[in-house]
Amino acid sequence: MEFIAKTGDLEKLTSACLVVAVGEKGQLSAAATAIDKLAGGLISRVLKAGDIKGKYGQSLMLHGLTGIKAERVLLVGTQQCDKAIKQADFIKVARATAAAIKQAGCKDATLALLGQAVDGADDYWKARQLLQATGESNYQFNQLKSEKGPKTLPLRKVTVLTENRSQTGQAKRAAEHAQAIVSGIHTARDLGNLPGNICTPSYLATRAKNLAKKNPKLSCKVLDEKQMKALGMHSLLSVSAGSAEGAKLITMEYKGGKKGDRPIVLLGKGITFDSGGISLKPGAGMDEMKFDMCGAASVMGAMTTLCEMGLPINVVGMIASAENMPGPSATKPGDVITSMSGKTIEVLNTDAEGRLVLCDALTYAERFKPAAVVDIATLTGACIVALGHHISGLISNNDALADKLTAAGISAADQAWRLPMNDDYQKQLDSNFADIANIGGPGAGTITAGCFLARFAEKFDWAHLDIAGTAWHSGAKKGASGRPVALLSQFLLDSAA
């Protein structure tokens, strides 16, 4: 799909679908007013008849309007197109617009919505949200079906129409960034949606190598179990011990900045299937544990976006990948293992495995002398209890880093909420038999998981994103969401700036 920003006359515009805004009390945006005059007042009559009320996200498709070349005109409600609306409401408008375009099967669309004022948002933000929503909506995963139907959806081009040339610069930059971010989100969704018998640790390693082959600024290194054992990564290897699939530690180095600049490290949990190990999960819904590598998928997505944007920054993308199975050699509850850092860990629950792969990867990350490390993981069901499926959890040992990630999430409409971390929670991880236990009891599960990881991140600024509630959807819309690629991409954009 191609994203474009341009200015032009509405009556001369050739498009399969032209989108304009209408308000709740019969108000018309400037673009809608112009179309209304060209079409002999048709839009005004439709509003007066009550066919569309103009509320946020309502839409109505009109066909065959006279006086214009566009095949269709999509009316989208913004409730008050003569006043500024909230950012959250504009995002509703963007997503409703995207859904209506997809349902109509348009081959291209032109969005004349930049005239809508939005609190605290410029034309760049508005254009990016419109294009990103349309791009995300234009996604399908059917490559594993015997009867695939159309290989691709019909939408090929989306244009943001600027009202004047002064808007065009911001809109063009938004189009470039949205194109790259959508590419990253689709990459993450594809990886997340693949089943565990295809998307193994070895498969993730191959995908990372292929990405590096396409990008001269990117290199890839993969450690196998023999190499990890030599480094003392017994915590990570304890997770793959029961599986026939070997664990992999994947490192992608992007060198877009100056040679001496310290890199940002993005570290993703890549448990390609999580049975729970000996602490076996319930059977119902266990198929969704193929999504336990969505942290890794988001790192692959963010690295894809980074390469497409070509940011002047150094970034290391790491993936700690394993399969957690209850085989004859599997780690048992009560086992004590030694991490790469030298700290010993009592494994009280083998289903708390994500932190066991991440802790060794965090120690390995020290060699890059990072400016900051952000790990991303579908880590705890407790995060869903705390924050539901709307907002990701955030824990950090550095206020400035936490603030940057929070701000990036707000800007990207991919929010995270910071949770506390202090010594009172750390005490829950005390063990009678090792330096630390891998779980902290039933209370504050998300926080104690973060506290566990913090013990292995004492040598650098570090943040942890728990995406257990946001990485995928269940039910009729089951599938990976691609989050938090947008947040991570915005964080990298801000860091590069």
Protein backbone atom coordinates (compact mmCIF):
# COMPACT_ATOMS: atom_id res chain seq x y z
CA MET A 1 0.00 0.00 0.00
CA GLU A 2 1.22 3.48 -0.90
CA PHE A 3 0.72 6.53 1.33
CA ILE A 4 0.71 9.99 -0.30
CA ALA A 5 0.21 13.58 0.84
CA LYS A 6 -0.79 16.26 -1.67
CA THR A 7 -2.99 19.29 -2.22
CA GLY A 8 -5.54 19.65 -5.02
CA ASP A 9 -8.97 20.79 -6.17
CA LEU A 10 -11.81 18.62 -4.88
CA GLU A 11 -13.85 18.81 -8.07
CA LYS A 12 -10.92 17.60 -10.19
CA LEU A 13 -9.91 14.83 -7.81
CA THR A 14 -10.08 11.31 -9.23
CA SER A 15 -10.56 8.81 -6.40
CA ALA A 16 -12.52 5.67 -5.62
CA CYS A 17 -13.48 7.22 -2.27
CA LEU A 18 -13.25 10.80 -1.03
CA VAL A 19 -13.66 11.19 2.74
CA VAL A 20 -15.04 14.38 4.32
CA ALA A 21 -16.23 15.29 7.83
CA VAL A 22 -19.69 16.23 9.07
CA GLY A 23 -20.81 17.37 12.53
CA GLU A 24 -23.62 16.51 14.91
CA LYS A 25 -25.78 19.59 14.26
CA GLY A 26 -25.63 19.63 10.50
CA GLN A 27 -22.18 21.21 10.43
CA LEU A 28 -19.98 20.59 7.41
CA SER A 29 -16.21 20.75 7.25
CA ALA A 30 -14.68 23.04 4.63
CA ALA A 31 -14.16 20.07 2.30
CA ALA A 32 -17.72 18.82 2.87
CA THR A 33 -19.08 22.30 2.21
CA ALA A 34 -17.24 22.46 -1.10
CA ILE A 35 -18.52 19.02 -2.16
CA ASP A 36 -22.04 19.95 -1.04
CA LYS A 37 -22.07 23.00 -3.33
CA LEU A 38 -20.72 21.01 -6.27
CA ALA A 39 -23.33 18.28 -5.69
CA GLY A 40 -26.30 20.63 -5.43
CA GLY A 41 -26.73 20.45 -1.64
CA LEU A 42 -26.95 16.65 -1.44
CA ILE A 43 -24.87 16.34 1.74
CA SER A 44 -27.00 18.96 3.52
CA ARG A 45 -30.16 17.09 2.54
CA VAL A 46 -28.75 13.79 3.79
CA LEU A 47 -27.90 15.36 7.15
CA LYS A 48 -31.30 17.03 7.41
CA ALA A 49 -32.98 13.69 6.71
CA GLY A 50 -31.06 12.15 9.63
CA ASP A 51 -29.32 9.45 7.58
CA ILE A 52 -26.17 10.25 9.56
CA LYS A 53 -26.14 12.04 12.91
CA GLY A 54 -22.52 13.22 12.75
CA LYS A 55 -21.46 11.54 16.00
CA TYR A 56 -17.87 10.34 16.43
CA GLY A 57 -17.10 7.47 14.11
CA GLN A 58 -20.44 7.31 12.32
CA SER A 59 -20.11 6.97 8.57
CA LEU A 60 -22.27 6.97 5.45
CA MET A 61 -21.18 6.17 1.90
CA LEU A 62 -22.68 8.22 -0.94
CA HIS A 63 -22.46 7.21 -4.59
CA GLY A 64 -22.67 9.04 -7.91
CA LEU A 65 -22.46 12.66 -6.72
CA THR A 66 -22.64 15.19 -9.53
CA GLY A 67 -20.04 17.90 -10.02
CA ILE A 68 -17.07 15.78 -8.85
CA LYS A 69 -14.93 13.02 -10.31
CA ALA A 70 -14.70 10.89 -7.13
CA GLU A 71 -16.68 7.65 -7.44
CA ARG A 72 -17.87 7.75 -3.83
CA VAL A 73 -17.98 10.24 -0.97
CA LEU A 74 -17.70 8.89 2.56
CA LEU A 75 -19.21 11.11 5.25
CA VAL A 76 -17.55 10.61 8.63
CA GLY A 77 -18.89 12.07 11.86
CA THR A 78 -16.57 14.22 13.96
CA GLN A 79 -19.39 15.55 16.16
CA GLN A 80 -18.17 19.16 16.02
CA CYS A 81 -16.19 19.91 12.90
CA ASP A 82 -16.20 23.64 13.72
CA LYS A 83 -14.36 23.10 17.05
CA ALA A 84 -11.33 21.21 18.30
CA ILE A 85 -11.94 17.63 19.42
CA LYS A 86 -9.92 15.37 21.72
CA GLN A 87 -7.11 13.22 20.34
CA ALA A 88 -8.89 10.04 21.45
CA ASP A 89 -11.99 11.09 19.52
CA PHE A 90 -9.97 11.81 16.39
CA ILE A 91 -8.49 8.32 16.62
CA LYS A 92 -12.05 6.94 16.74
CA VAL A 93 -12.77 8.90 13.56
CA ALA A 94 -9.61 7.56 11.89
CA ARG A 95 -10.45 3.96 12.75
CA ALA A 96 -14.07 4.31 11.66
CA THR A 97 -12.91 5.80 8.38
CA ALA A 98 -10.51 2.91 7.84
CA ALA A 99 -13.21 0.33 8.58
CA ALA A 100 -15.68 1.92 6.15
CA ILE A 101 -13.09 2.09 3.35
CA LYS A 102 -12.20 -1.57 3.89
CA GLN A 103 -15.84 -2.66 3.92
CA ALA A 104 -16.49 -0.82 0.65
CA GLY A 105 -13.58 -2.57 -1.05
CA CYS A 106 -12.12 0.65 -2.47
CA LYS A 107 -8.93 0.43 -4.51
CA ASP A 108 -7.82 3.87 -3.35
CA ALA A 109 -9.01 6.56 -0.95
CA THR A 110 -8.46 10.28 -0.41
CA LEU A 111 -8.83 11.64 3.12
CA ALA A 112 -9.87 15.31 3.30
CA LEU A 113 -9.90 15.40 7.11
CA LEU A 114 -6.89 17.53 8.07
CA GLY A 115 -9.15 20.55 8.51
CA GLN A 116 -10.54 19.03 11.70
CA ALA A 117 -8.92 20.78 14.68
CA VAL A 118 -7.61 18.45 17.40
CA ASP A 119 -6.49 19.50 20.88
CA GLY A 120 -2.70 19.48 21.16
CA ALA A 121 -2.16 17.93 17.73
CA ASP A 122 -0.54 19.26 14.58
CA ASP A 123 -1.07 18.26 10.95
CA TYR A 124 1.73 15.67 11.16
CA TRP A 125 -0.01 13.86 14.01
CA LYS A 126 -3.42 13.96 12.32
CA ALA A 127 -2.09 12.74 8.99
CA ARG A 128 -0.12 9.93 10.60
CA GLN A 129 -3.06 8.70 12.65
CA LEU A 130 -5.32 8.69 9.58
CA LEU A 131 -2.83 6.80 7.43
CA GLN A 132 -1.74 4.42 10.17
CA ALA A 133 -5.34 3.49 11.00
CA THR A 134 -6.09 2.84 7.34
CA GLY A 135 -2.94 0.77 6.91
CA GLU A 136 -3.57 -1.30 10.03
CA SER A 137 -7.14 -1.98 8.94
CA ASN A 138 -5.92 -3.23 5.57
CA TYR A 139 -4.43 -6.42 7.03
CA GLN A 140 -5.34 -10.04 6.54
CA PHE A 141 -3.74 -13.35 7.48
CA ASN A 142 -4.85 -16.13 5.17
CA GLN A 143 -1.60 -17.68 3.98
CA LEU A 144 -2.26 -20.95 5.83
CA LYS A 145 -5.72 -21.56 4.36
CA SER A 146 -6.14 -23.94 1.42
CA GLU A 147 -8.70 -21.61 -0.15
CA LYS A 148 -7.09 -18.25 0.34
CA GLY A 149 -9.43 -16.09 -1.70
CA PRO A 150 -7.82 -12.80 -2.79
CA LYS A 151 -4.12 -12.73 -1.94
CA THR A 152 -4.30 -9.06 -1.06
CA LEU A 153 -7.04 -6.61 -0.15
CA PRO A 154 -8.05 -4.18 -2.91
CA LEU A 155 -6.86 -0.95 -1.25
CA ARG A 156 -3.61 0.11 -2.94
CA LYS A 157 -3.21 3.83 -2.29
CA VAL A 158 -4.27 6.26 0.43
CA THR A 159 -3.86 10.01 0.00
CA VAL A 160 -4.06 12.65 2.71
CA LEU A 161 -5.39 15.81 1.09
CA THR A 162 -3.86 18.99 2.47
CA GLU A 163 -5.83 22.23 2.44
CA ASN A 164 -2.79 24.34 1.53
CA ARG A 165 0.86 23.90 0.69
CA SER A 166 1.96 24.88 4.21
CA GLN A 167 0.46 21.59 5.49
CA THR A 168 2.11 19.46 2.84
CA GLY A 169 5.55 19.19 4.45
CA GLN A 170 4.19 17.78 7.71
CA ALA A 171 1.77 15.51 5.88
CA LYS A 172 4.50 14.08 3.64
CA ARG A 173 6.69 13.33 6.63
CA ALA A 174 3.70 11.68 8.32
CA ALA A 175 3.10 9.56 5.21
CA GLU A 176 6.71 8.33 5.20
CA HIS A 177 6.63 7.45 8.89
CA ALA A 178 3.17 5.86 8.75
CA GLN A 179 4.27 3.69 5.83
CA ALA A 180 7.23 2.36 7.84
CA ILE A 181 5.28 1.92 11.08
CA VAL A 182 2.46 0.01 9.36
CA SER A 183 5.08 -2.22 7.73
CA GLY A 184 6.50 -2.97 11.18
CA ILE A 185 3.06 -3.62 12.69
CA HIS A 186 2.16 -6.02 9.88
CA THR A 187 5.48 -7.84 10.39
CA ALA A 188 4.74 -8.26 14.09
CA ARG A 189 1.17 -9.43 13.40
CA ASP A 190 2.32 -11.98 10.82
CA LEU A 191 4.89 -13.45 13.22
CA GLY A 192 2.43 -13.51 16.10
CA ASN A 193 -0.27 -15.21 14.06
CA LEU A 194 1.97 -18.01 12.83
CA PRO A 195 1.50 -21.28 14.75
CA GLY A 196 4.18 -22.72 17.00
CA ASN A 197 4.99 -25.56 14.59
CA ILE A 198 6.11 -22.96 12.01
CA CYS A 199 7.30 -20.02 14.08
CA THR A 200 10.04 -21.71 16.12
CA PRO A 201 13.17 -20.11 17.59
CA SER A 202 15.03 -21.19 14.44
CA TYR A 203 12.37 -19.58 12.25
CA LEU A 204 12.72 -16.27 14.13
CA ALA A 205 16.49 -16.48 13.65
CA THR A 206 16.04 -16.98 9.91
CA ARG A 207 13.65 -14.02 9.67
CA ALA A 208 16.16 -11.82 11.51
CA LYS A 209 18.98 -12.90 9.19
CA ASN A 210 16.84 -12.20 6.13
CA LEU A 211 16.01 -8.72 7.42
CA ALA A 212 19.71 -8.03 7.88
CA LYS A 213 20.49 -9.20 4.33
CA LYS A 214 18.10 -6.56 2.95
CA ASN A 215 19.51 -3.68 5.01
CA PRO A 216 23.17 -2.60 4.83
CA LYS A 217 22.98 -0.84 8.22
CA LEU A 218 21.79 -4.03 9.94
CA SER A 219 23.78 -7.08 10.97
CA CYS A 220 22.57 -10.24 12.71
CA LYS A 221 24.19 -12.73 15.05
CA VAL A 222 22.50 -15.86 16.44
CA LEU A 223 23.74 -17.82 19.46
CA ASP A 224 22.77 -21.49 19.70
CA GLU A 225 22.48 -23.56 22.88
CA LYS A 226 26.13 -24.66 22.83
CA GLN A 227 27.30 -21.05 22.67
CA MET A 228 24.84 -19.94 25.34
CA LYS A 229 25.96 -22.76 27.63
CA ALA A 230 29.57 -21.61 27.25
CA LEU A 231 28.46 -18.13 28.34
CA GLY A 232 26.69 -19.52 31.41
CA MET A 233 23.13 -18.78 30.27
CA HIS A 234 21.66 -21.61 32.31
CA SER A 235 18.54 -19.62 33.18
CA LEU A 236 17.55 -19.19 29.53
CA LEU A 237 18.49 -22.80 28.74
CA SER A 238 16.39 -24.10 31.64
CA VAL A 239 13.29 -23.03 29.72
CA SER A 240 14.12 -24.94 26.52
CA ALA A 241 15.36 -28.03 28.42
CA GLY A 242 12.09 -29.94 27.90
CA SER A 243 11.72 -29.11 24.21
CA ALA A 244 13.08 -30.67 21.03
CA GLU A 245 13.42 -27.11 19.68
CA GLY A 246 16.72 -25.47 20.52
CA ALA A 247 16.77 -22.02 22.08
CA LYS A 248 18.22 -19.05 20.19
CA LEU A 249 19.54 -15.68 21.28
CA ILE A 250 19.16 -13.37 18.30
CA THR A 251 20.98 -10.04 18.07
CA MET A 252 20.34 -7.47 15.33
CA GLU A 253 22.65 -4.42 15.34
CA TYR A 254 21.46 -1.35 13.45
CA LYS A 255 24.22 1.23 12.98
CA GLY A 256 22.63 4.42 11.73
CA GLY A 257 24.23 6.80 14.22
CA LYS A 258 27.78 7.85 14.95
CA LYS A 259 30.34 5.15 15.68
CA GLY A 260 30.74 6.06 19.35
CA ASP A 261 27.06 6.60 20.13
CA ARG A 262 25.72 4.19 22.71
CA PRO A 263 22.81 2.14 21.36
CA ILE A 264 19.29 1.68 22.56
CA VAL A 265 18.60 -2.02 23.13
CA LEU A 266 15.14 -3.46 22.45
CA LEU A 267 14.79 -6.94 23.95
CA GLY A 268 11.83 -9.17 23.13
CA LYS A 269 10.57 -12.29 24.88
CA GLY A 270 10.32 -14.97 22.21
CA ILE A 271 8.61 -17.99 23.75
CA THR A 272 7.29 -19.48 20.52
CA PHE A 273 4.94 -21.76 22.45
CA ASP A 274 4.32 -21.79 26.18
CA SER A 275 2.74 -24.94 27.58
CA GLY A 276 3.75 -23.84 31.06
CA GLY A 277 6.31 -26.65 31.23
CA ILE A 278 5.91 -28.98 34.22
CA SER A 279 3.61 -26.32 35.74
CA LEU A 280 1.23 -27.11 32.87
CA LYS A 281 -1.34 -24.53 31.81
CA PRO A 282 -5.05 -25.42 31.56
CA GLY A 283 -5.99 -26.82 28.16
CA ALA A 284 -8.69 -24.25 27.40
CA GLY A 285 -7.19 -21.39 25.45
CA MET A 286 -3.71 -22.90 25.39
CA ASP A 287 -3.62 -22.44 21.62
CA GLU A 288 -3.22 -18.72 22.28
CA MET A 289 0.17 -19.41 23.83
CA LYS A 290 1.62 -19.19 20.33
CA PHE A 291 1.28 -15.45 21.01
CA ASP A 292 3.82 -15.68 23.85
CA MET A 293 6.47 -14.52 21.39
CA CYS A 294 4.73 -11.23 20.62
CA GLY A 295 7.42 -9.31 22.48
CA ALA A 296 9.94 -10.76 20.03
CA ALA A 297 7.55 -10.03 17.16
CA SER A 298 7.33 -6.38 18.25
CA VAL A 299 11.12 -6.10 18.22
CA MET A 300 11.22 -7.55 14.70
CA GLY A 301 8.50 -5.09 13.74
CA ALA A 302 10.30 -2.12 15.28
CA MET A 303 13.55 -3.09 13.57
CA THR A 304 11.67 -3.33 10.25
CA THR A 305 10.28 0.16 10.81
CA LEU A 306 13.68 1.48 11.86
CA CYS A 307 15.34 0.17 8.69
CA GLU A 308 12.62 1.67 6.47
CA MET A 309 12.86 5.06 8.16
CA GLY A 310 16.67 4.99 8.17
CA LEU A 311 16.93 6.88 11.46
CA PRO A 312 20.35 8.32 12.46
CA ILE A 313 20.58 6.26 15.64
CA ASN A 314 22.24 3.08 16.89
CA VAL A 315 19.84 0.33 18.01
CA VAL A 316 20.30 -3.30 19.03
CA GLY A 317 17.30 -5.57 18.63
CA MET A 318 17.55 -8.70 20.79
CA ILE A 319 15.27 -11.73 20.90
CA ALA A 320 15.54 -14.39 23.60
CA SER A 321 13.67 -17.32 22.08
CA ALA A 322 12.75 -20.76 23.35
CA GLU A 323 9.86 -23.20 23.51
CA ASN A 324 8.56 -24.13 26.98
CA MET A 325 7.52 -27.80 27.04
CA PRO A 326 7.11 -30.56 29.71
CA GLY A 327 9.63 -33.04 28.28
CA PRO A 328 11.68 -35.62 30.19
CA SER A 329 14.54 -33.15 30.67
CA ALA A 330 12.29 -30.22 31.61
CA THR A 331 13.10 -27.99 34.55
CA LYS A 332 11.06 -28.95 37.64
CA PRO A 333 9.49 -26.72 40.30
CA GLY A 334 12.03 -26.41 43.09
CA ASP A 335 15.06 -26.67 40.80
CA VAL A 336 17.84 -24.13 41.37
CA ILE A 337 19.63 -22.74 38.32
CA THR A 338 22.51 -20.33 37.86
CA SER A 339 22.04 -17.33 35.59
CA MET A 340 24.69 -15.76 33.37
CA SER A 341 25.11 -13.03 36.00
CA GLY A 342 26.04 -15.65 38.60
CA LYS A 343 22.84 -15.13 40.59
CA THR A 344 21.06 -18.37 41.51
CA ILE A 345 17.31 -18.73 40.90
CA GLU A 346 14.84 -21.07 42.57
CA VAL A 347 12.24 -22.02 39.96
CA LEU A 348 9.01 -22.23 41.94
CA ASN A 349 6.84 -22.21 38.84
CA THR A 350 8.04 -23.24 35.36
CA ASP A 351 5.21 -21.18 33.83
CA ALA A 352 7.04 -18.03 34.96
CA GLU A 353 9.55 -18.69 32.20
CA GLY A 354 9.66 -15.37 30.36
CA ARG A 355 11.70 -13.72 33.07
CA LEU A 356 14.12 -16.68 32.99
CA VAL A 357 15.00 -16.11 29.32
CA LEU A 358 15.02 -12.33 29.67
CA CYS A 359 17.32 -12.17 32.69
CA ASP A 360 20.23 -13.81 30.85
CA ALA A 361 19.57 -11.65 27.80
CA LEU A 362 19.70 -8.54 30.02
CA THR A 363 23.09 -9.63 31.30
CA TYR A 364 24.26 -10.23 27.72
CA ALA A 365 23.05 -6.73 26.78
CA GLU A 366 25.70 -5.20 29.09
CA ARG A 367 28.35 -5.81 26.41
CA PHE A 368 26.72 -3.22 24.14
CA LYS A 369 27.19 -0.46 26.77
CA PRO A 370 23.59 0.62 26.11
CA ALA A 371 22.17 4.10 26.53
CA ALA A 372 18.98 2.33 27.61
CA VAL A 373 17.41 -1.13 27.48
CA VAL A 374 13.69 -1.71 26.93
CA ASP A 375 12.39 -5.25 27.21
CA ILE A 376 8.99 -6.19 25.82
CA ALA A 377 7.18 -9.30 27.00
CA THR A 378 3.82 -11.00 27.34
CA LEU A 379 4.91 -11.61 30.91
CA THR A 380 2.02 -11.79 33.38
CA GLY A 381 -1.70 -12.47 33.44
CA ALA A 382 -1.71 -10.13 36.42
CA CYS A 383 -1.16 -7.23 34.01
CA ILE A 384 -4.50 -8.03 32.36
CA VAL A 385 -6.16 -7.95 35.78
CA ALA A 386 -4.56 -4.57 36.52
CA LEU A 387 -4.90 -2.79 33.16
CA GLY A 388 -7.19 -4.90 30.99
CA HIS A 389 -6.58 -5.07 27.26
CA HIS A 390 -6.26 -1.36 26.56
CA ILE A 391 -2.96 -0.23 28.08
CA SER A 392 0.41 -1.98 28.46
CA GLY A 393 2.21 -2.12 31.80
CA LEU A 394 5.47 -0.20 32.31
CA ILE A 395 8.12 -0.64 35.01
CA SER A 396 11.46 1.15 35.04
CA ASN A 397 14.51 1.94 37.16
CA ASN A 398 14.83 5.38 35.52
CA ASP A 399 12.22 8.15 35.66
CA ALA A 400 13.39 9.93 32.52
CA LEU A 401 13.26 6.73 30.45
CA ALA A 402 9.81 5.88 31.82
CA ASP A 403 8.58 9.38 30.97
CA LYS A 404 9.89 9.09 27.39
CA LEU A 405 8.14 5.76 26.85
CA THR A 406 4.91 7.06 28.37
CA ALA A 407 4.99 10.14 26.13
CA ALA A 408 5.76 8.01 23.07
CA GLY A 409 2.79 5.78 23.85
CA ILE A 410 0.44 8.74 24.14
CA SER A 411 1.70 10.27 20.89
CA ALA A 412 1.43 6.94 19.04
CA ALA A 413 -1.99 6.03 20.50
CA ASP A 414 -0.34 2.90 21.95
CA GLN A 415 -0.32 3.71 25.63
CA ALA A 416 1.60 2.28 28.57
CA TRP A 417 1.02 2.97 32.27
CA ARG A 418 3.83 3.01 34.81
CA LEU A 419 3.55 0.73 37.84
CA PRO A 420 5.64 1.14 41.04
CA MET A 421 8.75 -0.83 41.94
CA ASN A 422 10.35 -0.66 45.36
CA ASP A 423 11.97 -2.77 48.07
CA ASP A 424 8.66 -3.81 49.63
CA TYR A 425 7.88 -5.76 46.45
CA GLN A 426 11.44 -7.07 46.13
CA LYS A 427 11.05 -8.93 49.44
CA GLN A 428 8.38 -11.13 47.87
CA LEU A 429 11.12 -12.73 45.74
CA ASP A 430 13.17 -13.96 48.71
CA SER A 431 14.13 -17.65 48.57
CA ASN A 432 15.34 -19.99 51.32
CA PHE A 433 17.48 -21.93 48.83
CA ALA A 434 18.74 -19.47 46.19
CA ASP A 435 19.50 -15.80 45.66
CA ILE A 436 16.04 -15.17 44.23
CA ALA A 437 12.78 -16.99 43.50
CA ASN A 438 11.21 -16.70 40.05
CA ILE A 439 7.77 -15.78 41.41
CA GLY A 440 6.69 -13.53 44.25
CA GLY A 441 3.35 -15.01 45.28
CA PRO A 442 -0.20 -14.10 44.24
CA GLY A 443 -0.08 -10.37 45.01
CA ALA A 444 1.28 -7.75 42.58
CA GLY A 445 2.38 -10.33 40.04
CA THR A 446 3.25 -7.82 37.33
CA ILE A 447 5.30 -5.72 39.71
CA THR A 448 7.25 -8.62 41.23
CA ALA A 449 8.01 -9.91 37.71
CA GLY A 450 9.44 -6.47 36.97
CA CYS A 451 11.35 -6.53 40.25
CA PHE A 452 12.88 -9.86 39.23
CA LEU A 453 14.11 -8.42 35.92
CA ALA A 454 15.38 -5.26 37.63
CA ARG A 455 17.93 -7.33 39.55
CA PHE A 456 19.59 -8.14 36.22
CA ALA A 457 19.41 -4.57 34.88
CA GLU A 458 21.36 -2.71 37.56
CA LYS A 459 24.15 -1.56 35.22
CA PHE A 460 22.03 0.49 32.80
CA ASP A 461 18.84 2.49 32.45
CA TRP A 462 16.10 -0.07 31.91
CA ALA A 463 12.37 -0.29 31.30
CA HIS A 464 10.03 -3.25 30.99
CA LEU A 465 6.81 -3.30 28.95
CA ASP A 466 4.31 -6.00 29.93
CA ILE A 467 2.09 -6.51 26.87
CA ALA A 468 0.17 -9.58 28.07
CA GLY A 469 -3.12 -7.70 27.74
CA THR A 470 -2.40 -5.80 24.51
CA ALA A 471 -0.38 -8.11 22.24
CA TRP A 472 -3.32 -10.06 20.84
CA HIS A 473 -7.10 -10.27 20.64
CA SER A 474 -9.19 -13.28 21.65
CA GLY A 475 -12.64 -14.36 20.52
CA ALA A 476 -14.04 -13.69 17.05
CA LYS A 477 -11.23 -11.24 16.28
CA LYS A 478 -8.49 -13.59 17.49
CA GLY A 479 -5.09 -12.50 16.25
CA ALA A 480 -1.97 -10.53 17.03
CA SER A 481 -2.45 -6.77 17.45
CA GLY A 482 1.05 -5.63 16.45
CA ARG A 483 1.42 -3.66 19.67
CA PRO A 484 3.61 -2.03 20.88
CA VAL A 485 5.39 -1.46 17.54
CA ALA A 486 3.86 2.01 17.25
CA LEU A 487 5.05 2.95 20.76
CA LEU A 488 8.57 1.61 20.14
CA SER A 489 8.76 3.35 16.74
CA GLN A 490 7.75 6.67 18.27
CA PHE A 491 10.29 6.16 21.07
CA LEU A 492 13.03 5.65 18.47
CA LEU A 493 11.83 8.66 16.48
CA ASP A 494 11.95 10.81 19.62
CA SER A 495 15.38 9.45 20.57
CA ALA A 496 16.77 10.15 17.11
CA ALA A 497 15.38 13.70 17.22
